[in-house]
Amino acid sequence: MNYLEEELDEVLKTLKITSKKLNPEELETLILNLTKKYFKTEKNVLDPLDFNEKHTEHNPDFWKQIPERIKKTELTLLVFDTDYRGWKLKNAQDLALVVGETTGYPFWLTDQDLSFLVHLDDHDCVLWA
């Protein structure tokens, strides 16, 4: 089941946050482009063990700090439940609202230019590239 996808869709609707859900082809292209740019090998999965991170920190409050730490717009949130799911959001404030209203889960975050990639894992470890 796609519990995480359903939860995120519901929160986006409830909070009236403008978003665009990525279709499977868009997700595949995005993941390949991200792995080409930020991972040791280009493939169709975002594997944290293969990630060329530049900075790592343990930060259980990262989701609360997103608006202060990420100044980019046109963000893309990626999660994995039974498959990869992704949503484009306008800004970091919208993202923080969504993450704050949903259960904790690992996620990846980038912008439309793929100028950065950040991963929050399920142990509150934040990996940046």
Protein backbone atom coordinates (compact mmCIF):
# COMPACT_ATOMS: atom_id res chain seq x y z
CA MET A 1 0.00 0.00 0.00
CA ASN A 2 1.04 3.59 -0.58
CA TYR A 3 0.40 4.90 2.94
CA LEU A 4 3.01 7.63 2.79
CA GLU A 5 1.84 8.83 -0.61
CA GLU A 6 -1.76 8.95 0.62
CA GLU A 7 -0.76 10.78 3.80
CA LEU A 8 1.22 13.40 1.89
CA ASP A 9 -1.54 13.90 -0.67
CA GLU A 10 -4.08 14.36 2.13
CA VAL A 11 -1.92 16.87 4.04
CA LEU A 12 -1.24 18.88 0.88
CA LYS A 13 -4.97 19.01 0.20
CA THR A 14 -5.91 19.84 3.81
CA LEU A 15 -3.33 22.62 4.08
CA LYS A 16 -4.25 23.89 0.59
CA ILE A 17 -0.61 23.84 -0.47
CA THR A 18 -0.06 24.17 -4.19
CA SER A 19 1.94 21.22 -5.46
CA LYS A 20 2.48 19.06 -8.50
CA LYS A 21 2.83 15.32 -8.12
CA LEU A 22 5.51 13.84 -10.36
CA ASN A 23 4.50 11.01 -12.67
CA PRO A 24 6.63 7.84 -12.94
CA GLU A 25 8.51 9.07 -16.01
CA GLU A 26 9.37 12.39 -14.37
CA LEU A 27 10.54 10.55 -11.26
CA GLU A 28 12.72 8.19 -13.26
CA THR A 29 14.36 11.06 -15.14
CA LEU A 30 14.89 13.07 -11.95
CA ILE A 31 16.42 10.13 -10.07
CA LEU A 32 18.79 9.33 -12.93
CA ASN A 33 19.85 12.98 -13.12
CA LEU A 34 20.38 13.14 -9.35
CA THR A 35 22.42 9.94 -9.26
CA LYS A 36 24.50 11.15 -12.20
CA LYS A 37 25.32 14.39 -10.39
CA TYR A 38 25.46 13.41 -6.70
CA PHE A 39 26.18 9.69 -6.43
CA LYS A 40 29.14 7.42 -7.09
CA THR A 41 27.19 5.55 -9.76
CA GLU A 42 24.29 6.51 -11.99
CA LYS A 43 21.31 4.26 -11.32
CA ASN A 44 17.57 4.28 -10.68
CA VAL A 45 17.67 4.39 -6.86
CA LEU A 46 18.72 7.02 -4.34
CA ASP A 47 21.05 4.94 -2.19
CA PRO A 48 22.45 6.90 0.78
CA LEU A 49 25.45 4.54 0.90
CA ASP A 50 26.37 5.65 -2.63
CA PHE A 51 25.76 9.37 -1.96
CA ASN A 52 28.70 11.78 -2.32
CA GLU A 53 27.72 13.95 0.63
CA LYS A 54 29.73 17.06 1.43
CA HIS A 55 28.35 17.62 4.92
CA THR A 56 26.64 15.36 7.47
CA GLU A 57 24.95 16.32 10.71
CA HIS A 58 22.65 14.77 13.28
CA ASN A 59 19.68 17.10 13.65
CA PRO A 60 16.28 15.94 14.93
CA ASP A 61 14.93 19.47 14.37
CA PHE A 62 16.03 19.78 10.75
CA TRP A 63 12.47 19.78 9.42
CA LYS A 64 11.67 22.81 11.60
CA GLN A 65 14.76 24.63 10.29
CA ILE A 66 14.05 24.05 6.59
CA PRO A 67 12.77 27.62 5.92
CA GLU A 68 15.90 29.16 7.46
CA ARG A 69 18.37 26.73 5.92
CA ILE A 70 17.00 26.28 2.42
CA LYS A 71 16.50 29.54 0.56
CA LYS A 72 15.72 28.01 -2.82
CA THR A 73 12.27 27.89 -4.40
CA GLU A 74 10.61 25.36 -6.70
CA LEU A 75 11.59 22.45 -4.47
CA THR A 76 11.06 18.77 -5.09
CA LEU A 77 10.31 16.39 -2.23
CA LEU A 78 11.07 12.71 -2.86
CA VAL A 79 10.02 9.83 -0.63
CA PHE A 80 9.94 6.06 -0.96
CA ASP A 81 7.07 3.86 0.20
CA THR A 82 6.33 1.02 -2.21
CA ASP A 83 8.04 3.07 -4.91
CA TYR A 84 9.47 6.56 -5.30
CA ARG A 85 6.97 9.42 -5.03
CA GLY A 86 7.65 13.07 -5.63
CA TRP A 87 5.99 16.45 -5.32
CA LYS A 88 7.05 19.87 -6.51
CA LEU A 89 6.44 22.60 -3.94
CA LYS A 90 6.82 26.35 -4.26
CA ASN A 91 9.07 27.02 -1.27
CA ALA A 92 10.68 25.81 1.95
CA GLN A 93 7.87 27.18 4.12
CA ASP A 94 5.35 24.92 2.36
CA LEU A 95 7.71 21.98 2.71
CA ALA A 96 8.17 22.55 6.45
CA LEU A 97 4.38 22.69 6.91
CA VAL A 98 3.93 19.38 5.07
CA VAL A 99 6.73 17.60 6.90
CA GLY A 100 5.49 18.96 10.23
CA GLU A 101 1.98 17.59 9.66
CA THR A 102 3.02 14.10 8.56
CA THR A 103 4.63 11.17 10.32
CA GLY A 104 8.43 11.04 10.35
CA TYR A 105 9.98 9.43 7.28
CA PRO A 106 13.19 9.63 5.27
CA PHE A 107 13.10 12.08 2.38
CA TRP A 108 15.25 13.68 -0.30
CA LEU A 109 15.00 17.32 -1.29
CA THR A 110 16.33 19.25 -4.27
CA ASP A 111 15.40 22.28 -6.37
CA GLN A 112 14.44 22.61 -10.02
CA ASP A 113 18.07 23.27 -11.03
CA LEU A 114 19.40 20.32 -8.98
CA SER A 115 21.77 22.80 -7.36
CA PHE A 116 21.74 20.82 -4.10
CA LEU A 117 20.53 17.53 -2.71
CA VAL A 118 19.74 16.87 0.93
CA HIS A 119 18.64 13.63 2.56
CA LEU A 120 17.05 13.23 5.97
CA ASP A 121 17.20 9.61 7.08
CA ASP A 122 15.12 7.82 9.70
CA HIS A 123 17.81 8.42 12.37
CA ASP A 124 17.69 12.25 12.05
CA CYS A 125 20.93 12.28 10.08
CA VAL A 126 21.02 15.04 7.46
CA LEU A 127 23.29 14.50 4.44
CA TRP A 128 24.06 17.43 2.12
CA ALA A 129 25.59 17.69 -1.34
